[in-house]
Every structure is written in C-alpha cells, then in structure tokens.
PDB file of N, CA and C in Angstrom:
ATOM      1  N   MET A   1       0.840  -1.178   0.000  1.00  0.00           N
ATOM      2  CA  MET A   1       0.000   0.000   0.000  1.00  0.00           C
ATOM      3  C   MET A   1       0.882   1.237   0.000  1.00  0.00           C
ATOM      4  N   ALA A   2       0.896   1.966  -1.063  1.00  0.00           N
ATOM      5  CA  ALA A   2       1.713   3.177  -1.172  1.00  0.00           C
ATOM      6  C   ALA A   2       0.894   4.385  -0.748  1.00  0.00           C
ATOM      7  N   PHE A   3       1.566   5.366  -0.226  1.00  0.00           N
ATOM      8  CA  PHE A   3       0.887   6.607   0.098  1.00  0.00           C
ATOM      9  C   PHE A   3       1.864   7.755  -0.047  1.00  0.00           C
ATOM     10  N   CYS A   4       1.342   8.945  -0.017  1.00  0.00           N
ATOM     11  CA  CYS A   4       2.130  10.139  -0.267  1.00  0.00           C
ATOM     12  C   CYS A   4       2.252  10.942   1.020  1.00  0.00           C
ATOM     13  N   ILE A   5       3.460  11.446   1.265  1.00  0.00           N
ATOM     14  CA  ILE A   5       3.712  12.292   2.433  1.00  0.00           C
ATOM     15  C   ILE A   5       4.287  13.605   1.940  1.00  0.00           C
ATOM     16  N   TYR A   6       3.759  14.710   2.448  1.00  0.00           N
ATOM     17  CA  TYR A   6       4.245  16.044   2.083  1.00  0.00           C
ATOM     18  C   TYR A   6       4.883  16.679   3.311  1.00  0.00           C
ATOM     19  N   ILE A   7       6.096  17.182   3.139  1.00  0.00           N
ATOM     20  CA  ILE A   7       6.789  17.855   4.232  1.00  0.00           C
ATOM     21  C   ILE A   7       7.237  19.216   3.719  1.00  0.00           C
ATOM     22  N   GLY A   8       6.777  20.278   4.350  1.00  0.00           N
ATOM     23  CA  GLY A   8       7.168  21.622   3.963  1.00  0.00           C
ATOM     24  C   GLY A   8       8.422  22.049   4.705  1.00  0.00           C
ATOM     25  N   ALA A   9       9.435  22.465   3.959  1.00  0.00           N
ATOM     26  CA  ALA A   9      10.687  22.899   4.579  1.00  0.00           C
ATOM     27  C   ALA A   9      11.172  24.201   3.958  1.00  0.00           C
ATOM     28  N   SER A  10      10.245  25.005   3.468  1.00  0.00           N
ATOM     29  CA  SER A  10      10.622  26.247   2.790  1.00  0.00           C
ATOM     30  C   SER A  10      11.424  27.184   3.674  1.00  0.00           C
ATOM     31  N   PHE A  11      11.062  27.267   4.938  1.00  0.00           N
ATOM     32  CA  PHE A  11      11.749  28.212   5.812  1.00  0.00           C
ATOM     33  C   PHE A  11      13.169  27.770   6.152  1.00  0.00           C
ATOM     34  N   THR A  12      13.447  26.471   6.093  1.00  0.00           N
ATOM     35  CA  THR A  12      14.778  25.989   6.458  1.00  0.00           C
ATOM     36  C   THR A  12      15.660  25.679   5.256  1.00  0.00           C
ATOM     37  N   THR A  13      15.070  25.166   4.169  1.00  0.00           N
ATOM     38  CA  THR A  13      15.877  24.776   3.011  1.00  0.00           C
ATOM     39  C   THR A  13      15.437  25.444   1.720  1.00  0.00           C
ATOM     40  N   GLY A  14      14.282  26.111   1.726  1.00  0.00           N
ATOM     41  CA  GLY A  14      13.743  26.655   0.488  1.00  0.00           C
ATOM     42  C   GLY A  14      13.075  25.593  -0.362  1.00  0.00           C
ATOM     43  N   ALA A  15      12.845  24.410   0.201  1.00  0.00           N
ATOM     44  CA  ALA A  15      12.287  23.298  -0.566  1.00  0.00           C
ATOM     45  C   ALA A  15      11.069  22.712   0.118  1.00  0.00           C
ATOM     46  N   GLU A  16      10.254  22.067  -0.682  1.00  0.00           N
ATOM     47  CA  GLU A  16       9.124  21.280  -0.191  1.00  0.00           C
ATOM     48  C   GLU A  16       9.392  19.843  -0.610  1.00  0.00           C
ATOM     49  N   PHE A  17       9.022  18.886   0.218  1.00  0.00           N
ATOM     50  CA  PHE A  17       9.287  17.486  -0.068  1.00  0.00           C
ATOM     51  C   PHE A  17       7.977  16.724  -0.235  1.00  0.00           C
ATOM     52  N   LEU A  18       7.916  15.941  -1.288  1.00  0.00           N
ATOM     53  CA  LEU A  18       6.779  15.080  -1.545  1.00  0.00           C
ATOM     54  C   LEU A  18       7.338  13.677  -1.715  1.00  0.00           C
ATOM     55  N   SER A  19       6.893  12.755  -0.896  1.00  0.00           N
ATOM     56  CA  SER A  19       7.459  11.413  -0.901  1.00  0.00           C
ATOM     57  C   SER A  19       6.375  10.368  -1.097  1.00  0.00           C
ATOM     58  N   PHE A  20       6.687   9.389  -1.914  1.00  0.00           N
ATOM     59  CA  PHE A  20       5.839   8.211  -2.071  1.00  0.00           C
ATOM     60  C   PHE A  20       6.604   7.059  -1.461  1.00  0.00           C
ATOM     61  N   PHE A  21       6.151   6.578  -0.332  1.00  0.00           N
ATOM     62  CA  PHE A  21       6.944   5.639   0.445  1.00  0.00           C
ATOM     63  C   PHE A  21       6.083   4.459   0.865  1.00  0.00           C
ATOM     64  N   PRO A  22       6.220   3.315   0.188  1.00  0.00           N
ATOM     65  CA  PRO A  22       5.312   2.183   0.433  1.00  0.00           C
ATOM     66  C   PRO A  22       5.773   1.223   1.525  1.00  0.00           C
ATOM     67  N   ILE A  23       5.835   1.690   2.733  1.00  0.00           N
ATOM     68  CA  ILE A  23       6.148   0.793   3.847  1.00  0.00           C
ATOM     69  C   ILE A  23       4.937   0.778   4.763  1.00  0.00           C
ATOM     70  N   LYS A  24       4.207  -0.305   4.728  1.00  0.00           N
ATOM     71  CA  LYS A  24       2.960  -0.400   5.470  1.00  0.00           C
ATOM     72  C   LYS A  24       3.202  -0.243   6.970  1.00  0.00           C
ATOM     73  N   GLY A  25       2.516   0.717   7.556  1.00  0.00           N
ATOM     74  CA  GLY A  25       2.564   0.907   8.995  1.00  0.00           C
ATOM     75  C   GLY A  25       3.765   1.679   9.515  1.00  0.00           C
ATOM     76  N   LYS A  26       4.815   1.818   8.705  1.00  0.00           N
ATOM     77  CA  LYS A  26       6.018   2.500   9.180  1.00  0.00           C
ATOM     78  C   LYS A  26       6.404   3.675   8.301  1.00  0.00           C
ATOM     79  N   GLY A  27       5.662   3.917   7.249  1.00  0.00           N
ATOM     80  CA  GLY A  27       6.046   4.922   6.268  1.00  0.00           C
ATOM     81  C   GLY A  27       6.303   6.301   6.831  1.00  0.00           C
ATOM     82  N   LEU A  28       5.381   6.805   7.648  1.00  0.00           N
ATOM     83  CA  LEU A  28       5.510   8.169   8.156  1.00  0.00           C
ATOM     84  C   LEU A  28       6.751   8.334   9.019  1.00  0.00           C
ATOM     85  N   SER A  29       7.002   7.430   9.939  1.00  0.00           N
ATOM     86  CA  SER A  29       8.177   7.580  10.806  1.00  0.00           C
ATOM     87  C   SER A  29       9.476   7.403  10.029  1.00  0.00           C
ATOM     88  N   VAL A  30       9.494   6.497   9.058  1.00  0.00           N
ATOM     89  CA  VAL A  30      10.711   6.276   8.267  1.00  0.00           C
ATOM     90  C   VAL A  30      11.009   7.477   7.386  1.00  0.00           C
ATOM     91  N   ILE A  31      10.019   7.935   6.622  1.00  0.00           N
ATOM     92  CA  ILE A  31      10.282   9.018   5.687  1.00  0.00           C
ATOM     93  C   ILE A  31      10.487  10.347   6.410  1.00  0.00           C
ATOM     94  N   SER A  32       9.800  10.580   7.518  1.00  0.00           N
ATOM     95  CA  SER A  32      10.034  11.845   8.234  1.00  0.00           C
ATOM     96  C   SER A  32      11.440  11.868   8.828  1.00  0.00           C
ATOM     97  N   GLY A  33      11.932  10.756   9.324  1.00  0.00           N
ATOM     98  CA  GLY A  33      13.309  10.697   9.813  1.00  0.00           C
ATOM     99  C   GLY A  33      14.304  10.904   8.689  1.00  0.00           C
ATOM    100  N   THR A  34      14.030  10.306   7.541  1.00  0.00           N
ATOM    101  CA  THR A  34      14.903  10.460   6.379  1.00  0.00           C
ATOM    102  C   THR A  34      14.907  11.900   5.895  1.00  0.00           C
ATOM    103  N   MET A  35      13.736  12.508   5.791  1.00  0.00           N
ATOM    104  CA  MET A  35      13.654  13.902   5.347  1.00  0.00           C
ATOM    105  C   MET A  35      14.319  14.841   6.348  1.00  0.00           C
ATOM    106  N   ASN A  36      14.194  14.558   7.635  1.00  0.00           N
ATOM    107  CA  ASN A  36      14.880  15.387   8.634  1.00  0.00           C
ATOM    108  C   ASN A  36      16.392  15.306   8.465  1.00  0.00           C
ATOM    109  N   ARG A  37      16.914  14.122   8.134  1.00  0.00           N
ATOM    110  CA  ARG A  37      18.350  14.000   7.878  1.00  0.00           C
ATOM    111  C   ARG A  37      18.753  14.814   6.649  1.00  0.00           C
ATOM    112  N   ILE A  38      17.934  14.749   5.581  1.00  0.00           N
ATOM    113  CA  ILE A  38      18.228  15.529   4.376  1.00  0.00           C
ATOM    114  C   ILE A  38      18.202  17.018   4.685  1.00  0.00           C
ATOM    115  N   ILE A  39      17.186  17.480   5.418  1.00  0.00           N
ATOM    116  CA  ILE A  39      17.083  18.900   5.783  1.00  0.00           C
ATOM    117  C   ILE A  39      18.293  19.328   6.599  1.00  0.00           C
ATOM    118  N   ARG A  40      18.713  18.508   7.559  1.00  0.00           N
ATOM    119  CA  ARG A  40      19.871  18.837   8.392  1.00  0.00           C
ATOM    120  C   ARG A  40      21.151  18.925   7.541  1.00  0.00           C
ATOM    121  N   LEU A  41      21.321  18.003   6.589  1.00  0.00           N
ATOM    122  CA  LEU A  41      22.498  18.038   5.712  1.00  0.00           C
ATOM    123  C   LEU A  41      22.499  19.287   4.844  1.00  0.00           C
ATOM    124  N   VAL A  42      21.326  19.686   4.338  1.00  0.00           N
ATOM    125  CA  VAL A  42      21.229  20.903   3.530  1.00  0.00           C
ATOM    126  C   VAL A  42      21.557  22.125   4.379  1.00  0.00           C
ATOM    127  N   GLN A  43      21.006  22.197   5.588  1.00  0.00           N
ATOM    128  CA  GLN A  43      21.267  23.334   6.481  1.00  0.00           C
ATOM    129  C   GLN A  43      22.745  23.442   6.836  1.00  0.00           C
ATOM    130  N   ASP A  44      23.400  22.311   7.022  1.00  0.00           N
ATOM    131  CA  ASP A  44      24.823  22.301   7.382  1.00  0.00           C
ATOM    132  C   ASP A  44      25.729  22.531   6.183  1.00  0.00           C
ATOM    133  N   GLY A  45      25.162  22.555   4.982  1.00  0.00           N
ATOM    134  CA  GLY A  45      25.955  22.763   3.778  1.00  0.00           C
ATOM    135  C   GLY A  45      26.619  21.498   3.254  1.00  0.00           C
ATOM    136  N   ASP A  46      26.233  20.341   3.779  1.00  0.00           N
ATOM    137  CA  ASP A  46      26.845  19.080   3.361  1.00  0.00           C
ATOM    138  C   ASP A  46      26.118  18.432   2.184  1.00  0.00           C
ATOM    139  N   LEU A  47      24.967  18.988   1.792  1.00  0.00           N
ATOM    140  CA  LEU A  47      24.196  18.438   0.681  1.00  0.00           C
ATOM    141  C   LEU A  47      23.508  19.586  -0.028  1.00  0.00           C
ATOM    142  N   SER A  48      23.590  19.588  -1.357  1.00  0.00           N
ATOM    143  CA  SER A  48      22.835  20.579  -2.115  1.00  0.00           C
ATOM    144  C   SER A  48      21.657  19.863  -2.758  1.00  0.00           C
ATOM    145  N   LEU A  49      20.549  20.558  -2.857  1.00  0.00           N
ATOM    146  CA  LEU A  49      19.351  19.956  -3.435  1.00  0.00           C
ATOM    147  C   LEU A  49      19.450  20.041  -4.954  1.00  0.00           C
ATOM    148  N   LYS A  50      19.566  18.888  -5.585  1.00  0.00           N
ATOM    149  CA  LYS A  50      19.612  18.808  -7.040  1.00  0.00           C
ATOM    150  C   LYS A  50      18.970  17.500  -7.454  1.00  0.00           C
ATOM    151  N   SER A  51      18.574  17.433  -8.713  1.00  0.00           N
ATOM    152  CA  SER A  51      17.976  16.200  -9.216  1.00  0.00           C
ATOM    153  C   SER A  51      19.068  15.137  -9.301  1.00  0.00           C
ATOM    154  N   GLU A  52      18.865  14.059  -8.581  1.00  0.00           N
ATOM    155  CA  GLU A  52      19.874  13.006  -8.548  1.00  0.00           C
ATOM    156  C   GLU A  52      19.310  11.766  -7.862  1.00  0.00           C
ATOM    157  N   ILE A  53      20.037  10.673  -7.996  1.00  0.00           N
ATOM    158  CA  ILE A  53      19.794   9.494  -7.184  1.00  0.00           C
ATOM    159  C   ILE A  53      20.744   9.604  -6.009  1.00  0.00           C
ATOM    160  N   LEU A  54      20.207   9.820  -4.835  1.00  0.00           N
ATOM    161  CA  LEU A  54      21.010   9.996  -3.627  1.00  0.00           C
ATOM    162  C   LEU A  54      21.271   8.616  -3.027  1.00  0.00           C
ATOM    163  N   ASN A  55      22.521   8.208  -3.045  1.00  0.00           N
ATOM    164  CA  ASN A  55      22.886   6.888  -2.546  1.00  0.00           C
ATOM    165  C   ASN A  55      23.886   7.064  -1.403  1.00  0.00           C
ATOM    166  N   ASP A  56      23.360   7.458  -0.257  1.00  0.00           N
ATOM    167  CA  ASP A  56      24.182   7.765   0.904  1.00  0.00           C
ATOM    168  C   ASP A  56      23.585   7.029   2.100  1.00  0.00           C
ATOM    169  N   GLU A  57      24.300   6.065   2.617  1.00  0.00           N
ATOM    170  CA  GLU A  57      23.757   5.258   3.716  1.00  0.00           C
ATOM    171  C   GLU A  57      23.519   6.085   4.980  1.00  0.00           C
ATOM    172  N   TYR A  58      24.172   7.240   5.109  1.00  0.00           N
ATOM    173  CA  TYR A  58      23.919   8.109   6.261  1.00  0.00           C
ATOM    174  C   TYR A  58      22.483   8.640   6.206  1.00  0.00           C
ATOM    175  N   VAL A  59      21.982   8.893   4.991  1.00  0.00           N
ATOM    176  CA  VAL A  59      20.626   9.399   4.815  1.00  0.00           C
ATOM    177  C   VAL A  59      19.615   8.257   4.907  1.00  0.00           C
ATOM    178  N   TYR A  60      19.860   7.200   4.114  1.00  0.00           N
ATOM    179  CA  TYR A  60      18.960   6.050   4.132  1.00  0.00           C
ATOM    180  C   TYR A  60      19.715   4.878   3.519  1.00  0.00           C
ATOM    181  N   ASN A  61      19.344   3.669   3.875  1.00  0.00           N
ATOM    182  CA  ASN A  61      20.120   2.516   3.420  1.00  0.00           C
ATOM    183  C   ASN A  61      19.762   2.049   2.015  1.00  0.00           C
ATOM    184  N   LEU A  62      18.867   2.726   1.338  1.00  0.00           N
ATOM    185  CA  LEU A  62      18.555   2.468  -0.064  1.00  0.00           C
ATOM    186  C   LEU A  62      18.659   3.775  -0.836  1.00  0.00           C
ATOM    187  N   PRO A  63      18.942   3.708  -2.139  1.00  0.00           N
ATOM    188  CA  PRO A  63      18.986   4.956  -2.929  1.00  0.00           C
ATOM    189  C   PRO A  63      17.640   5.677  -2.914  1.00  0.00           C
ATOM    190  N   ILE A  64      17.692   7.002  -2.932  1.00  0.00           N
ATOM    191  CA  ILE A  64      16.502   7.854  -2.955  1.00  0.00           C
ATOM    192  C   ILE A  64      16.584   8.731  -4.198  1.00  0.00           C
ATOM    193  N   ALA A  65      15.533   8.763  -4.989  1.00  0.00           N
ATOM    194  CA  ALA A  65      15.488   9.644  -6.152  1.00  0.00           C
ATOM    195  C   ALA A  65      15.000  11.014  -5.711  1.00  0.00           C
ATOM    196  N   MET A  66      15.772  12.048  -6.040  1.00  0.00           N
ATOM    197  CA  MET A  66      15.368  13.416  -5.716  1.00  0.00           C
ATOM    198  C   MET A  66      15.209  14.178  -7.026  1.00  0.00           C
ATOM    199  N   VAL A  67      14.076  14.821  -7.203  1.00  0.00           N
ATOM    200  CA  VAL A  67      13.825  15.641  -8.379  1.00  0.00           C
ATOM    201  C   VAL A  67      13.558  17.052  -7.884  1.00  0.00           C
ATOM    202  N   VAL A  68      14.380  17.980  -8.354  1.00  0.00           N
ATOM    203  CA  VAL A  68      14.221  19.379  -7.956  1.00  0.00           C
ATOM    204  C   VAL A  68      13.340  20.059  -8.998  1.00  0.00           C
ATOM    205  N   LEU A  69      12.276  20.686  -8.529  1.00  0.00           N
ATOM    206  CA  LEU A  69      11.362  21.394  -9.425  1.00  0.00           C
ATOM    207  C   LEU A  69      11.734  22.869  -9.450  1.00  0.00           C
ATOM    208  N   ASP A  70      12.006  23.399 -10.628  1.00  0.00           N
ATOM    209  CA  ASP A  70      12.329  24.819 -10.695  1.00  0.00           C
ATOM    210  C   ASP A  70      11.063  25.652 -10.590  1.00  0.00           C
ATOM    211  N   ASP A  71      11.214  26.962 -10.496  1.00  0.00           N
ATOM    212  CA  ASP A  71      10.069  27.839 -10.258  1.00  0.00           C
ATOM    213  C   ASP A  71       9.012  27.741 -11.363  1.00  0.00           C
ATOM    214  N   ASN A  72       9.431  27.550 -12.619  1.00  0.00           N
ATOM    215  CA  ASN A  72       8.457  27.436 -13.708  1.00  0.00           C
ATOM    216  C   ASN A  72       7.588  26.208 -13.539  1.00  0.00           C
ATOM    217  N   ILE A  73       8.174  25.097 -13.154  1.00  0.00           N
ATOM    218  CA  ILE A  73       7.403  23.864 -12.967  1.00  0.00           C
ATOM    219  C   ILE A  73       6.486  23.997 -11.765  1.00  0.00           C
ATOM    220  N   LYS A  74       6.957  24.619 -10.685  1.00  0.00           N
ATOM    221  CA  LYS A  74       6.136  24.781  -9.482  1.00  0.00           C
ATOM    222  C   LYS A  74       4.856  25.551  -9.770  1.00  0.00           C
ATOM    223  N   GLU A  75       4.975  26.580 -10.603  1.00  0.00           N
ATOM    224  CA  GLU A  75       3.790  27.390 -10.914  1.00  0.00           C
ATOM    225  C   GLU A  75       2.831  26.609 -11.779  1.00  0.00           C
TER     226      GLU A  75
END
C-alpha cells in the first residue's frame, strides 16, 4: 500500500518534499526521519538539493530519487 507524504521545509531549506513511500505501517516515521536528515544536511551545507539518485547510507540505506522542481514547474 503506497501513500504520499508532504513535508514543507521552505523556511529551512527553500524546498518542499513530496514522498511516495510504500512501507505499510512505518512509512511516516521512516520518511520523516529520512527527510529530517536531508534537511539537516542541507542546512549544514553538506548536501545541495539537485535532481539526482542519492545513494548515501547516512541518509537512508537504499537509494533515494530526488527531483528538484524549478520555479516554472512549481507554478
């Protein structure tokens, strides 16, 4: 069962996160912890937000696809 989670981080990173994370019963706690790690890395300057496959075990033990939407796409 897949579901979508939205996390707003505009004030801290200038980004909004939308995640599709199919882990039954654990999705919210897993993805919110993962997104908090990403936000912390961006704030510390250790990660820049760009479209990529993020394969960093510190963030999560599986690769994560990140797609950055520019202002034209957001509108």
